[in-house]
Amino acid sequence: MDVKKASDFLTIVLWLVGGLLMFTAIANAAPNPNFHIYIAYGQSNMAGNGDIVPSEDQDKYKDKFLMLASHNANASQRSGKTNQSIKTGEWYTAIPPMFHPFENLSPADYFGRAMVDSLPGVTVGIIPVAIGAVSIRAFDKDQYESYFKGDGKDIMSWGWPKDYDNNPPGRILELAKKAKEVGVIKGFIFHQGESDGTDDNWRRTVYKTYKDIIDALDLDENEVPFVAGELLQEGNNCCGSKNGGIAQLKNNFKKFGLASSKGLQGNGKDPYHFGRAGVIELGKRYCSEMLKLIDKTIDPDAPPVNLVDPSQSTVPDEPPEEYGPYTDPIEIPGKVQAENYNKGGADKAYYDLSKGNEGGKLRKDDVDIYQPNMGIVVGHCQKGEWLKYTVNVAADGEYEISANVAGENGTGSLTLYMDDQPIGTGMANTGNGFDAFEVVSGGKATLKAGEHELKLEITNDWVDIDYVEFKTATGTDNLVKIRMDVPETETSFAIVDMQGRKLGVIKATTMEEAVKKTRENVTKNMVSGGVFFVISNTKSKHHFMKKVVIYEK
């Protein structure tokens, strides 16, 4: 091989290696958690009808406020005397007009600025897709085509939908998928209704336009709020009477906010549109509502967002959560709270048939955790779902099993396994309603001391579970086969009475210290003394025990 061919060959090899390394880096990259992205859609007031003042509306937030261009436009085509040309699917400093070249200032402009001011350390991005005068059907993936061929054909003839390839919902989804690669879709802001009746059918369609995007992006409704804005209601207005219908959107969404238009003045030209001051204030009100609904946590370790190419500021994927107890191993005898299933994620710590946490409480995976008229419970349980727990059995012996459950059908049921072996009997709800929790028996099981894996499996649909409880069976002695010495390394000890009932847990470095603390605690907190046992909580196969005799006071 001559020198030139060898050089060319080496260049190709290096290029391929570099490409593979770059691909690996991208494949292992995660979105920047401090890049908060919002989808803004609707009709003319969202598209922008406030006057642009270039000295106030351009560049001041260029280091923290971006837009993902939804259309192509040369600078000369754009309102506001900007020198910024834009291309669909590229990130730019957010400068009005964002939605069409001919539009003006939008509430989304000052929503983004207010969010930046409210969350130091966050970069805000907007996905802007709005069309003046359209029905909500223009944003429904199943209706937009028929709408533009029918009632919306005049709008189609004006050419406005062409900026979005005549497919507004498709353009939103296209851009949102791109944005999700580099940042976090935090919420939606919406302004529409002047062209529709804000009745139940409208509300269902509004929700559908949101839900279609949420599902396509594999997002969780419990984490991505929707904030709607009221229509102009001051002075000469067309549609202020519709605001009551808009407010009822709260019944359709899991996280909903309403940006009030009270006191905001129109443009003095028509009954539909806010003036500049109203547009700015409405944007700030969208921000106030959104801040009530989002997780505002800032990741101090994430890099600054690259303003030219945000893909350069993604962060390494976090390693998969290690399988294991949610806090500490759950002590038996005692209560296994249903919501304290192990860490480790889907198909390892749990299996759940529905996407997202339907109840929205405590944890952010797919297990449905609710807060009814009492404590935290796991609900919406369907046949085949399961949860796993790491438990620590204090002593060999027989235990009585029960569960605090609720349901309407009287057939929703569960069964238990210890180290993959069935224990006890099946337990079903009593059918008195999801707010009527009752303790039901699960029979008895003989358990070995030490750490084990408990599996709770749903055997029939619709049972809510508060806890499963293990109690020492009456008349049994669980304090056998326990060694009488203890190594210096043990730090956790259980206090157990003569009936094998666990009274508490203490921390100590030696057995002697544990015995001393036991005497102090029992003497201080009990009316009478007795015979007690101090048992080490160790992960080995052996437990260590000493008897403590405390005379009555």
Protein backbone atom coordinates (compact mmCIF):
# COMPACT_ATOMS: atom_id res chain seq x y z
CA MET A 1 0.00 0.00 0.00
CA ASP A 2 1.50 3.37 -0.99
CA VAL A 3 1.76 6.25 1.45
CA LYS A 4 -1.21 8.16 0.05
CA LYS A 5 -3.51 5.12 0.16
CA ALA A 6 -2.33 4.32 3.68
CA SER A 7 -3.02 7.90 4.74
CA ASP A 8 -6.48 7.84 3.17
CA PHE A 9 -7.22 4.49 4.81
CA LEU A 10 -6.11 5.81 8.22
CA THR A 11 -8.27 8.90 7.78
CA ILE A 12 -11.32 6.73 7.07
CA VAL A 13 -10.61 4.51 10.07
CA LEU A 14 -10.18 7.50 12.39
CA TRP A 15 -13.35 9.06 11.01
CA LEU A 16 -15.29 5.86 11.66
CA VAL A 17 -13.88 5.50 15.19
CA GLY A 18 -14.63 9.14 15.95
CA GLY A 19 -18.12 8.73 14.57
CA LEU A 20 -18.73 5.65 16.70
CA LEU A 21 -17.45 7.43 19.80
CA MET A 22 -19.66 10.43 19.08
CA PHE A 23 -22.65 8.14 18.48
CA THR A 24 -21.98 6.41 21.78
CA ALA A 25 -21.78 9.75 23.60
CA ILE A 26 -25.07 10.89 22.06
CA ALA A 27 -26.73 7.55 22.77
CA ASN A 28 -25.72 7.82 26.42
CA ALA A 29 -26.72 11.47 26.78
CA ALA A 30 -29.80 12.65 28.65
CA PRO A 31 -31.78 15.88 28.30
CA ASN A 32 -30.50 18.85 30.30
CA PRO A 33 -32.84 19.07 33.32
CA ASN A 34 -32.36 22.83 33.54
CA PHE A 35 -33.63 23.41 29.98
CA HIS A 36 -37.39 23.88 30.53
CA ILE A 37 -39.45 23.74 27.35
CA TYR A 38 -43.09 24.79 26.94
CA ILE A 39 -45.55 24.18 24.10
CA ALA A 40 -47.56 27.31 23.24
CA TYR A 41 -50.58 26.95 20.96
CA GLY A 42 -53.97 28.42 20.14
CA GLN A 43 -55.28 31.18 17.90
CA SER A 44 -54.64 34.88 17.30
CA ASN A 45 -54.04 36.16 20.85
CA MET A 46 -51.44 33.43 21.36
CA ALA A 47 -49.99 33.98 17.87
CA GLY A 48 -49.28 37.61 18.76
CA ASN A 49 -51.33 40.79 18.57
CA GLY A 50 -49.42 43.12 20.87
CA ASP A 51 -47.28 45.87 19.41
CA ILE A 52 -43.56 45.02 19.27
CA VAL A 53 -41.09 47.52 20.78
CA PRO A 54 -37.71 46.22 19.53
CA SER A 55 -35.65 47.97 22.21
CA GLU A 56 -37.65 46.18 24.93
CA ASP A 57 -38.61 42.89 23.29
CA GLN A 58 -35.38 41.80 21.63
CA ASP A 59 -32.08 40.41 22.94
CA LYS A 60 -32.44 41.22 26.65
CA TYR A 61 -33.02 37.54 27.47
CA LYS A 62 -30.87 36.04 24.74
CA ASP A 63 -28.75 34.10 27.23
CA LYS A 64 -31.71 32.31 28.83
CA PHE A 65 -34.71 32.33 26.47
CA LEU A 66 -34.89 30.30 23.23
CA MET A 67 -37.49 29.31 20.66
CA LEU A 68 -37.57 26.25 18.43
CA ALA A 69 -38.55 27.73 15.08
CA SER A 70 -41.85 26.37 13.78
CA HIS A 71 -41.49 27.84 10.27
CA ASN A 72 -39.00 29.33 7.82
CA ALA A 73 -38.68 33.10 7.51
CA ASN A 74 -36.08 35.60 6.32
CA ALA A 75 -35.39 38.57 8.60
CA SER A 76 -36.91 40.93 6.01
CA GLN A 77 -40.22 39.03 6.25
CA ARG A 78 -40.51 39.23 10.02
CA SER A 79 -42.26 41.99 11.95
CA GLY A 80 -40.38 43.97 14.57
CA LYS A 81 -37.43 45.09 12.49
CA THR A 82 -35.32 42.10 13.46
CA ASN A 83 -32.21 40.96 11.59
CA GLN A 84 -32.85 37.33 12.64
CA SER A 85 -33.74 34.79 9.94
CA ILE A 86 -35.09 31.45 11.14
CA LYS A 87 -35.40 27.89 9.85
CA THR A 88 -37.87 25.22 10.98
CA GLY A 89 -36.50 22.91 13.66
CA GLU A 90 -33.55 25.12 14.68
CA TRP A 91 -33.04 26.87 18.02
CA TYR A 92 -32.83 30.68 18.17
CA THR A 93 -32.99 33.49 20.68
CA ALA A 94 -36.69 34.03 21.36
CA ILE A 95 -37.49 37.25 19.51
CA PRO A 96 -41.02 38.20 18.43
CA PRO A 97 -42.77 37.31 16.26
CA MET A 98 -42.39 33.62 17.12
CA PHE A 99 -45.50 32.12 15.50
CA HIS A 100 -45.69 33.60 11.95
CA PRO A 101 -43.52 36.21 10.20
CA PHE A 102 -46.37 38.74 10.11
CA GLU A 103 -47.51 38.37 13.75
CA ASN A 104 -46.53 40.57 16.69
CA LEU A 105 -45.98 40.23 20.45
CA SER A 106 -47.41 37.09 22.09
CA PRO A 107 -48.14 36.25 25.74
CA ALA A 108 -45.59 33.45 25.20
CA ASP A 109 -42.86 36.11 24.86
CA TYR A 110 -43.37 37.51 28.33
CA PHE A 111 -44.31 34.14 29.81
CA GLY A 112 -40.82 32.95 28.88
CA ARG A 113 -39.14 36.07 30.24
CA ALA A 114 -41.07 35.83 33.51
CA MET A 115 -40.14 32.14 33.88
CA VAL A 116 -36.46 33.01 33.38
CA ASP A 117 -36.69 35.72 36.04
CA SER A 118 -38.44 33.35 38.44
CA LEU A 119 -36.05 30.42 38.11
CA PRO A 120 -32.38 31.45 38.16
CA GLY A 121 -30.29 28.70 36.64
CA VAL A 122 -32.99 27.65 34.15
CA THR A 123 -33.04 28.23 30.40
CA VAL A 124 -36.54 28.44 28.91
CA GLY A 125 -37.55 27.26 25.46
CA ILE A 126 -40.83 27.81 23.56
CA ILE A 127 -42.40 25.64 20.85
CA PRO A 128 -44.69 28.15 19.10
CA VAL A 129 -47.57 26.90 16.91
CA ALA A 130 -50.70 29.09 16.65
CA ILE A 131 -53.05 30.24 13.89
CA GLY A 132 -55.46 33.15 14.10
CA ALA A 133 -59.21 32.52 13.84
CA VAL A 134 -59.03 28.72 13.85
CA SER A 135 -61.27 26.27 15.66
CA ILE A 136 -59.77 23.91 18.23
CA ARG A 137 -60.26 21.24 15.55
CA ALA A 138 -57.21 22.66 13.75
CA PHE A 139 -55.06 21.16 16.54
CA ASP A 140 -56.76 17.75 16.69
CA LYS A 141 -54.75 15.15 14.76
CA ASP A 142 -57.98 13.38 13.83
CA GLN A 143 -59.91 16.49 12.68
CA TYR A 144 -57.48 19.06 11.25
CA GLU A 145 -57.62 17.77 7.66
CA SER A 146 -61.42 17.73 7.44
CA TYR A 147 -61.57 21.09 9.21
CA PHE A 148 -59.28 22.81 6.70
CA LYS A 149 -61.31 21.28 3.85
CA GLY A 150 -64.57 22.43 5.41
CA ASP A 151 -65.19 25.20 7.95
CA GLY A 152 -61.55 26.26 7.88
CA LYS A 153 -61.08 26.43 4.11
CA ASP A 154 -61.00 30.26 4.13
CA ILE A 155 -58.14 30.18 6.65
CA MET A 156 -56.39 27.63 4.46
CA SER A 157 -56.76 29.98 1.48
CA TRP A 158 -55.05 32.76 3.45
CA GLY A 159 -51.96 30.55 3.63
CA TRP A 160 -51.37 30.71 7.37
CA PRO A 161 -51.43 26.93 7.99
CA LYS A 162 -48.81 26.53 5.27
CA ASP A 163 -46.14 27.69 7.73
CA TYR A 164 -46.80 24.40 9.55
CA ASP A 165 -47.08 22.29 6.38
CA ASN A 166 -50.86 22.51 6.80
CA ASN A 167 -50.61 20.20 9.82
CA PRO A 168 -50.50 22.15 13.11
CA PRO A 169 -50.65 19.11 15.46
CA GLY A 170 -48.01 17.36 13.39
CA ARG A 171 -45.69 20.38 13.62
CA ILE A 172 -46.12 20.54 17.41
CA LEU A 173 -45.25 16.86 17.75
CA GLU A 174 -42.32 17.08 15.34
CA LEU A 175 -40.75 19.95 17.29
CA ALA A 176 -41.60 18.48 20.69
CA LYS A 177 -39.79 15.24 19.86
CA LYS A 178 -36.72 17.23 18.87
CA ALA A 179 -36.95 19.38 22.01
CA LYS A 180 -37.36 16.35 24.28
CA GLU A 181 -33.93 15.11 23.19
CA VAL A 182 -32.19 18.11 24.74
CA GLY A 183 -34.51 19.45 27.44
CA VAL A 184 -37.58 18.71 29.53
CA ILE A 185 -41.13 19.38 28.29
CA LYS A 186 -42.44 21.13 31.40
CA GLY A 187 -45.91 22.29 30.36
CA PHE A 188 -48.39 23.75 27.86
CA ILE A 189 -49.79 27.27 27.59
CA PHE A 190 -52.97 27.70 25.56
CA HIS A 191 -55.22 30.51 24.36
CA GLN A 192 -58.22 29.71 22.14
CA GLY A 193 -61.98 29.82 22.24
CA GLU A 194 -63.13 32.91 20.37
CA SER A 195 -63.96 30.73 17.34
CA ASP A 196 -65.70 27.97 19.30
CA GLY A 197 -68.33 27.43 21.93
CA THR A 198 -66.54 26.61 25.15
CA ASP A 199 -68.85 23.71 25.98
CA ASP A 200 -68.20 20.11 27.02
CA ASN A 201 -67.36 19.05 23.47
CA TRP A 202 -64.82 21.89 23.16
CA ARG A 203 -63.28 20.99 26.50
CA ARG A 204 -62.97 17.33 25.51
CA THR A 205 -61.27 18.35 22.26
CA VAL A 206 -58.89 20.73 24.04
CA TYR A 207 -57.91 17.90 26.38
CA LYS A 208 -57.49 15.51 23.45
CA THR A 209 -55.08 17.87 21.66
CA TYR A 210 -52.96 17.85 24.81
CA LYS A 211 -53.30 14.13 25.56
CA ASP A 212 -52.37 13.09 22.02
CA ILE A 213 -49.05 14.94 22.39
CA ILE A 214 -48.46 13.66 25.93
CA ASP A 215 -48.98 10.06 24.85
CA ALA A 216 -46.87 10.38 21.71
CA LEU A 217 -43.99 11.80 23.77
CA ASP A 218 -44.38 9.18 26.51
CA LEU A 219 -44.88 11.91 29.13
CA ASP A 220 -46.79 11.76 32.42
CA GLU A 221 -49.91 13.93 32.83
CA ASN A 222 -49.13 14.22 36.53
CA GLU A 223 -45.91 16.08 35.71
CA VAL A 224 -46.83 18.21 32.66
CA PRO A 225 -49.41 20.91 33.51
CA PHE A 226 -51.74 22.75 31.15
CA VAL A 227 -52.43 26.46 31.66
CA ALA A 228 -55.24 28.10 29.69
CA GLY A 229 -55.81 31.84 29.36
CA GLU A 230 -59.11 33.67 29.65
CA LEU A 231 -60.49 35.64 26.70
CA LEU A 232 -60.70 39.43 26.67
CA GLN A 233 -63.40 40.51 29.15
CA GLU A 234 -62.88 44.26 29.62
CA GLY A 235 -64.54 46.99 27.59
CA ASN A 236 -65.85 46.15 24.14
CA ASN A 237 -65.28 42.40 23.93
CA CYS A 238 -66.64 39.56 21.86
CA CYS A 239 -66.31 36.60 24.13
CA GLY A 240 -65.83 37.33 27.81
CA SER A 241 -68.96 35.30 28.56
CA LYS A 242 -67.08 32.17 27.44
CA ASN A 243 -64.57 32.37 30.30
CA GLY A 244 -66.77 30.31 32.59
CA GLY A 245 -66.55 27.43 30.11
CA ILE A 246 -62.78 27.81 29.88
CA ALA A 247 -62.48 27.64 33.67
CA GLN A 248 -64.24 24.27 33.61
CA LEU A 249 -61.22 22.79 31.83
CA LYS A 250 -59.97 22.11 35.36
CA ASN A 251 -62.23 19.04 35.34
CA ASN A 252 -60.46 17.59 32.29
CA PHE A 253 -56.82 17.97 33.34
CA LYS A 254 -54.81 16.47 36.19
CA LYS A 255 -52.70 19.62 36.54
CA PHE A 256 -54.48 22.76 35.39
CA GLY A 257 -54.02 26.50 35.78
CA LEU A 258 -56.08 29.45 34.57
CA ALA A 259 -54.46 32.76 33.60
CA SER A 260 -57.01 35.47 34.35
CA SER A 261 -57.73 38.29 31.90
CA LYS A 262 -59.42 40.45 34.54
CA GLY A 263 -58.43 44.10 34.18
CA LEU A 264 -56.47 43.54 30.94
CA GLN A 265 -57.37 46.05 28.25
CA GLY A 266 -57.96 45.39 24.56
CA ASN A 267 -56.14 46.98 21.65
CA GLY A 268 -58.85 49.59 21.07
CA LYS A 269 -59.31 48.37 17.50
CA ASP A 270 -61.46 45.25 17.75
CA PRO A 271 -63.33 43.21 20.40
CA TYR A 272 -61.02 40.18 20.18
CA HIS A 273 -57.45 41.14 20.99
CA PHE A 274 -55.45 42.38 23.95
CA GLY A 275 -53.26 45.47 23.60
CA ARG A 276 -49.53 45.41 24.25
CA ALA A 277 -49.85 45.95 28.01
CA GLY A 278 -52.50 43.23 28.24
CA VAL A 279 -50.38 40.78 26.26
CA ILE A 280 -47.39 41.34 28.55
CA GLU A 281 -49.41 41.01 31.75
CA LEU A 282 -51.22 37.91 30.47
CA GLY A 283 -47.85 36.30 29.79
CA LYS A 284 -46.78 37.01 33.36
CA ARG A 285 -50.01 35.51 34.67
CA TYR A 286 -49.37 32.35 32.67
CA CYS A 287 -46.03 32.23 34.45
CA SER A 288 -47.58 32.66 37.91
CA GLU A 289 -49.96 29.77 37.27
CA MET A 290 -47.25 27.53 35.82
CA LEU A 291 -44.98 28.09 38.81
CA LYS A 292 -47.70 26.67 41.08
CA LEU A 293 -47.75 23.44 39.11
CA ILE A 294 -44.24 22.47 38.01
CA ASP A 295 -41.32 20.88 39.81
CA LYS A 296 -38.94 23.84 40.24
CA THR A 297 -35.90 21.75 41.23
CA ILE A 298 -32.63 22.99 39.71
CA ASP A 299 -29.80 20.53 39.05
CA PRO A 300 -26.60 22.30 40.17
CA ASP A 301 -24.44 19.76 38.35
CA ALA A 302 -25.98 20.19 34.89
CA PRO A 303 -23.96 22.29 32.42
CA PRO A 304 -25.25 25.62 31.05
CA VAL A 305 -27.46 25.18 27.99
CA ASN A 306 -25.57 25.72 24.74
CA LEU A 307 -27.56 28.51 23.11
CA VAL A 308 -26.46 27.70 19.57
CA ASP A 309 -26.83 23.93 19.77
CA PRO A 310 -28.55 22.64 22.93
CA SER A 311 -27.59 19.07 21.97
CA GLN A 312 -24.08 20.01 23.11
CA SER A 313 -25.27 20.53 26.68
CA THR A 314 -27.08 17.29 27.39
CA VAL A 315 -25.88 15.36 30.42
CA PRO A 316 -24.78 11.76 30.95
CA ASP A 317 -27.56 9.30 31.70
CA GLU A 318 -27.91 8.44 35.34
CA PRO A 319 -27.06 4.81 36.05
CA PRO A 320 -30.10 2.58 36.51
CA GLU A 321 -31.48 2.70 40.04
CA GLU A 322 -30.02 -0.17 42.03
CA TYR A 323 -32.55 -2.75 43.17
CA GLY A 324 -33.11 -2.74 46.91
CA PRO A 325 -35.25 -1.46 49.79
CA TYR A 326 -36.94 1.93 49.44
CA THR A 327 -35.48 3.05 52.76
CA ASP A 328 -34.36 0.25 55.11
CA PRO A 329 -35.48 -3.38 55.08
CA ILE A 330 -39.00 -3.57 56.53
CA GLU A 331 -39.10 -5.24 59.94
CA ILE A 332 -41.28 -8.30 60.56
CA PRO A 333 -43.26 -8.47 62.81
CA GLY A 334 -44.64 -5.15 61.64
CA LYS A 335 -46.51 -3.39 58.83
CA VAL A 336 -45.42 -3.42 55.21
CA GLN A 337 -46.77 -0.13 53.87
CA ALA A 338 -47.83 -0.77 50.27
CA GLU A 339 -46.20 2.39 48.89
CA ASN A 340 -42.76 1.44 50.27
CA TYR A 341 -42.00 -1.10 47.52
CA ASN A 342 -38.38 -1.52 46.54
CA LYS A 343 -36.33 0.77 44.34
CA GLY A 344 -35.17 -0.56 41.00
CA GLY A 345 -37.93 0.39 38.59
CA ALA A 346 -40.36 -1.43 36.33
CA ASP A 347 -40.11 -5.20 35.95
CA LYS A 348 -37.62 -5.37 38.84
CA ALA A 349 -39.30 -3.73 41.83
CA TYR A 350 -42.81 -3.60 40.39
CA TYR A 351 -44.98 -4.44 37.41
CA ASP A 352 -47.82 -2.03 36.58
CA LEU A 353 -50.18 -2.13 33.60
CA SER A 354 -50.98 1.60 33.35
CA LYS A 355 -48.64 4.41 32.34
CA GLY A 356 -47.76 6.95 35.03
CA ASN A 357 -48.74 7.36 38.67
CA GLU A 358 -52.53 7.79 38.41
CA GLY A 359 -52.79 9.12 41.97
CA GLY A 360 -49.82 11.46 41.65
CA LYS A 361 -48.60 10.95 45.22
CA LEU A 362 -45.15 10.22 46.70
CA ARG A 363 -43.29 8.46 43.86
CA LYS A 364 -42.84 9.23 40.16
CA ASP A 365 -42.99 5.85 38.45
CA ASP A 366 -45.95 3.83 37.15
CA VAL A 367 -47.31 2.58 40.49
CA ASP A 368 -50.61 4.33 41.25
CA ILE A 369 -50.35 5.93 44.70
CA TYR A 370 -53.34 7.77 46.16
CA GLN A 371 -54.28 9.66 49.31
CA PRO A 372 -57.93 8.84 50.13
CA ASN A 373 -59.62 9.76 53.41
CA MET A 374 -56.72 8.31 55.40
CA GLY A 375 -53.03 7.69 54.65
CA ILE A 376 -51.14 6.93 51.45
CA VAL A 377 -52.30 3.80 49.58
CA VAL A 378 -51.56 1.90 46.38
CA GLY A 379 -54.66 1.76 44.17
CA HIS A 380 -56.00 1.16 40.68
CA CYS A 381 -54.58 -2.37 41.08
CA GLN A 382 -55.18 -4.76 38.19
CA LYS A 383 -54.76 -8.51 37.91
CA GLY A 384 -51.15 -9.48 37.21
CA GLU A 385 -49.53 -6.40 38.73
CA TRP A 386 -47.02 -6.91 41.53
CA LEU A 387 -44.78 -5.13 44.03
CA LYS A 388 -41.65 -6.35 45.81
CA TYR A 389 -40.32 -5.48 49.26
CA THR A 390 -37.12 -6.30 51.14
CA VAL A 391 -38.10 -7.47 54.63
CA ASN A 392 -36.17 -8.55 57.71
CA VAL A 393 -37.81 -11.26 59.83
CA ALA A 394 -36.77 -10.90 63.46
CA ALA A 395 -37.04 -14.57 64.43
CA ASP A 396 -38.04 -18.00 63.19
CA GLY A 397 -41.69 -18.73 63.88
CA GLU A 398 -45.30 -18.62 62.82
CA TYR A 399 -46.86 -15.27 61.88
CA GLU A 400 -50.44 -14.13 61.36
CA ILE A 401 -50.98 -12.14 58.15
CA SER A 402 -53.57 -9.44 57.47
CA ALA A 403 -54.07 -6.55 55.07
CA ASN A 404 -55.90 -3.23 55.22
CA VAL A 405 -57.73 -3.02 51.87
CA ALA A 406 -60.70 -1.37 50.17
CA GLY A 407 -62.77 -1.76 47.02
CA GLU A 408 -66.26 -1.72 45.58
CA ASN A 409 -66.54 -5.15 43.99
CA GLY A 410 -65.68 -7.43 46.91
CA THR A 411 -63.49 -9.51 44.60
CA GLY A 412 -60.36 -7.37 44.17
CA SER A 413 -57.69 -9.54 45.74
CA LEU A 414 -54.00 -10.13 46.39
CA THR A 415 -51.67 -12.90 47.44
CA LEU A 416 -48.18 -12.95 48.97
CA TYR A 417 -44.92 -14.75 48.21
CA MET A 418 -41.78 -14.95 50.31
CA ASP A 419 -38.68 -15.67 48.22
CA ASP A 420 -41.02 -16.73 45.38
CA GLN A 421 -42.89 -19.24 47.57
CA PRO A 422 -46.61 -18.57 48.29
CA ILE A 423 -47.42 -17.78 51.93
CA GLY A 424 -50.72 -17.37 53.75
CA THR A 425 -54.05 -17.22 51.94
CA GLY A 426 -55.47 -14.82 49.37
CA MET A 427 -57.00 -11.58 50.66
CA ALA A 428 -59.94 -9.76 49.02
CA ASN A 429 -61.60 -6.41 49.70
CA THR A 430 -64.99 -6.42 51.43
CA GLY A 431 -66.80 -4.44 48.72
CA ASN A 432 -67.86 -1.50 50.90
CA GLY A 433 -66.24 1.15 48.73
CA PHE A 434 -62.79 2.60 48.05
CA ASP A 435 -63.03 4.84 51.10
CA ALA A 436 -63.99 1.99 53.43
CA PHE A 437 -60.71 0.34 54.37
CA GLU A 438 -61.04 -2.85 56.43
CA VAL A 439 -58.54 -5.35 57.77
CA VAL A 440 -58.90 -8.81 56.22
CA SER A 441 -57.12 -12.00 57.23
CA GLY A 442 -54.42 -13.62 55.14
CA GLY A 443 -53.94 -16.76 57.24
CA LYS A 444 -50.66 -17.80 58.80
CA ALA A 445 -47.14 -18.45 57.54
CA THR A 446 -44.03 -20.01 59.04
CA LEU A 447 -41.08 -17.71 58.35
CA LYS A 448 -37.33 -18.00 58.82
CA ALA A 449 -35.31 -15.26 60.49
CA GLY A 450 -33.26 -12.98 58.27
CA GLU A 451 -33.62 -10.87 55.15
CA HIS A 452 -36.10 -11.98 52.48
CA GLU A 453 -37.93 -10.71 49.41
CA LEU A 454 -41.68 -10.29 49.83
CA LYS A 455 -43.80 -10.13 46.69
CA LEU A 456 -47.37 -8.80 46.67
CA GLU A 457 -49.30 -9.89 43.58
CA ILE A 458 -52.75 -8.73 42.46
CA THR A 459 -54.92 -11.74 41.65
CA ASN A 460 -58.14 -9.93 40.72
CA ASP A 461 -58.90 -6.38 39.50
CA TRP A 462 -59.59 -3.33 41.64
CA VAL A 463 -58.34 -3.42 45.18
CA ASP A 464 -56.69 -0.53 47.04
CA ILE A 465 -54.01 -1.52 49.55
CA ASP A 466 -52.92 0.42 52.61
CA TYR A 467 -50.62 -2.12 54.27
CA VAL A 468 -49.92 -5.79 54.91
CA GLU A 469 -49.20 -6.69 58.54
CA PHE A 470 -47.33 -9.62 60.08
CA LYS A 471 -47.94 -10.44 63.77
CA THR A 472 -46.41 -13.17 65.86
CA ALA A 473 -48.97 -15.98 66.03
CA THR A 474 -50.60 -16.30 69.45
CA GLY A 475 -48.98 -18.90 71.70
CA THR A 476 -45.81 -19.33 69.66
CA ASP A 477 -42.28 -18.76 70.83
CA ASN A 478 -40.19 -17.05 68.21
CA LEU A 479 -37.15 -16.70 70.43
CA VAL A 480 -35.43 -19.99 69.68
CA LYS A 481 -32.22 -20.85 67.86
CA ILE A 482 -30.70 -17.45 68.63
CA ARG A 483 -27.05 -17.19 69.58
CA MET A 484 -26.13 -15.43 72.77
CA ASP A 485 -23.15 -13.37 71.62
CA VAL A 486 -22.83 -10.49 69.16
CA PRO A 487 -19.97 -9.08 67.10
CA GLU A 488 -18.82 -5.53 67.71
CA THR A 489 -19.86 -4.45 64.20
CA GLU A 490 -23.63 -4.74 64.76
CA THR A 491 -25.44 -1.41 65.13
CA SER A 492 -29.19 -2.22 65.03
CA PHE A 493 -31.08 -4.20 67.70
CA ALA A 494 -34.73 -5.16 68.13
CA ILE A 495 -36.48 -5.22 71.51
CA VAL A 496 -38.88 -8.19 71.74
CA ASP A 497 -41.17 -9.30 74.58
CA MET A 498 -41.83 -12.84 75.83
CA GLN A 499 -44.61 -13.32 73.27
CA GLY A 500 -42.26 -12.52 70.40
CA ARG A 501 -43.80 -9.11 69.77
CA LYS A 502 -41.38 -6.49 68.49
CA LEU A 503 -41.52 -3.37 70.67
CA GLY A 504 -38.99 -1.18 68.89
CA VAL A 505 -35.52 -0.81 67.38
CA ILE A 506 -32.46 0.81 68.93
CA LYS A 507 -29.00 1.66 67.64
CA ALA A 508 -25.85 0.57 69.51
CA THR A 509 -22.28 -0.45 68.77
CA THR A 510 -22.18 -3.45 71.16
CA MET A 511 -24.65 -5.83 72.77
CA GLU A 512 -23.76 -4.42 76.19
CA GLU A 513 -24.70 -0.92 75.03
CA ALA A 514 -27.93 -2.27 73.50
CA VAL A 515 -28.88 -3.98 76.78
CA LYS A 516 -28.22 -0.76 78.69
CA LYS A 517 -30.38 1.28 76.31
CA THR A 518 -33.12 -1.33 76.50
CA ARG A 519 -33.20 -1.08 80.30
CA GLU A 520 -33.34 2.71 80.11
CA ASN A 521 -36.14 2.74 77.49
CA VAL A 522 -38.29 0.11 79.17
CA THR A 523 -37.87 1.68 82.62
CA LYS A 524 -38.77 5.11 81.28
CA ASN A 525 -41.70 4.19 79.03
CA MET A 526 -43.43 1.16 80.61
CA VAL A 527 -45.69 0.97 83.68
CA SER A 528 -44.25 -2.37 84.75
CA GLY A 529 -41.16 -4.37 84.00
CA GLY A 530 -40.80 -7.91 82.74
CA VAL A 531 -38.57 -10.13 80.66
CA PHE A 532 -37.36 -8.82 77.31
CA PHE A 533 -34.94 -9.93 74.64
CA VAL A 534 -32.47 -7.78 72.72
CA ILE A 535 -31.91 -9.23 69.23
CA SER A 536 -29.35 -8.06 66.71
CA ASN A 537 -30.68 -7.15 63.24
CA THR A 538 -28.07 -8.72 61.02
CA LYS A 539 -28.15 -9.65 57.35
CA SER A 540 -26.40 -12.95 58.07
CA LYS A 541 -28.23 -16.21 58.67
CA HIS A 542 -27.69 -15.92 62.45
CA HIS A 543 -29.22 -13.52 64.95
CA PHE A 544 -27.77 -12.74 68.40
CA MET A 545 -29.82 -12.33 71.55
CA LYS A 546 -29.59 -11.51 75.27
CA LYS A 547 -32.30 -11.68 77.89
CA VAL A 548 -33.01 -8.56 79.92
CA VAL A 549 -34.96 -8.88 83.19
CA ILE A 550 -36.49 -5.66 84.48
CA TYR A 551 -38.36 -5.75 87.78
CA GLU A 552 -41.66 -3.95 88.14
CA LYS A 553 -41.51 -0.32 89.22
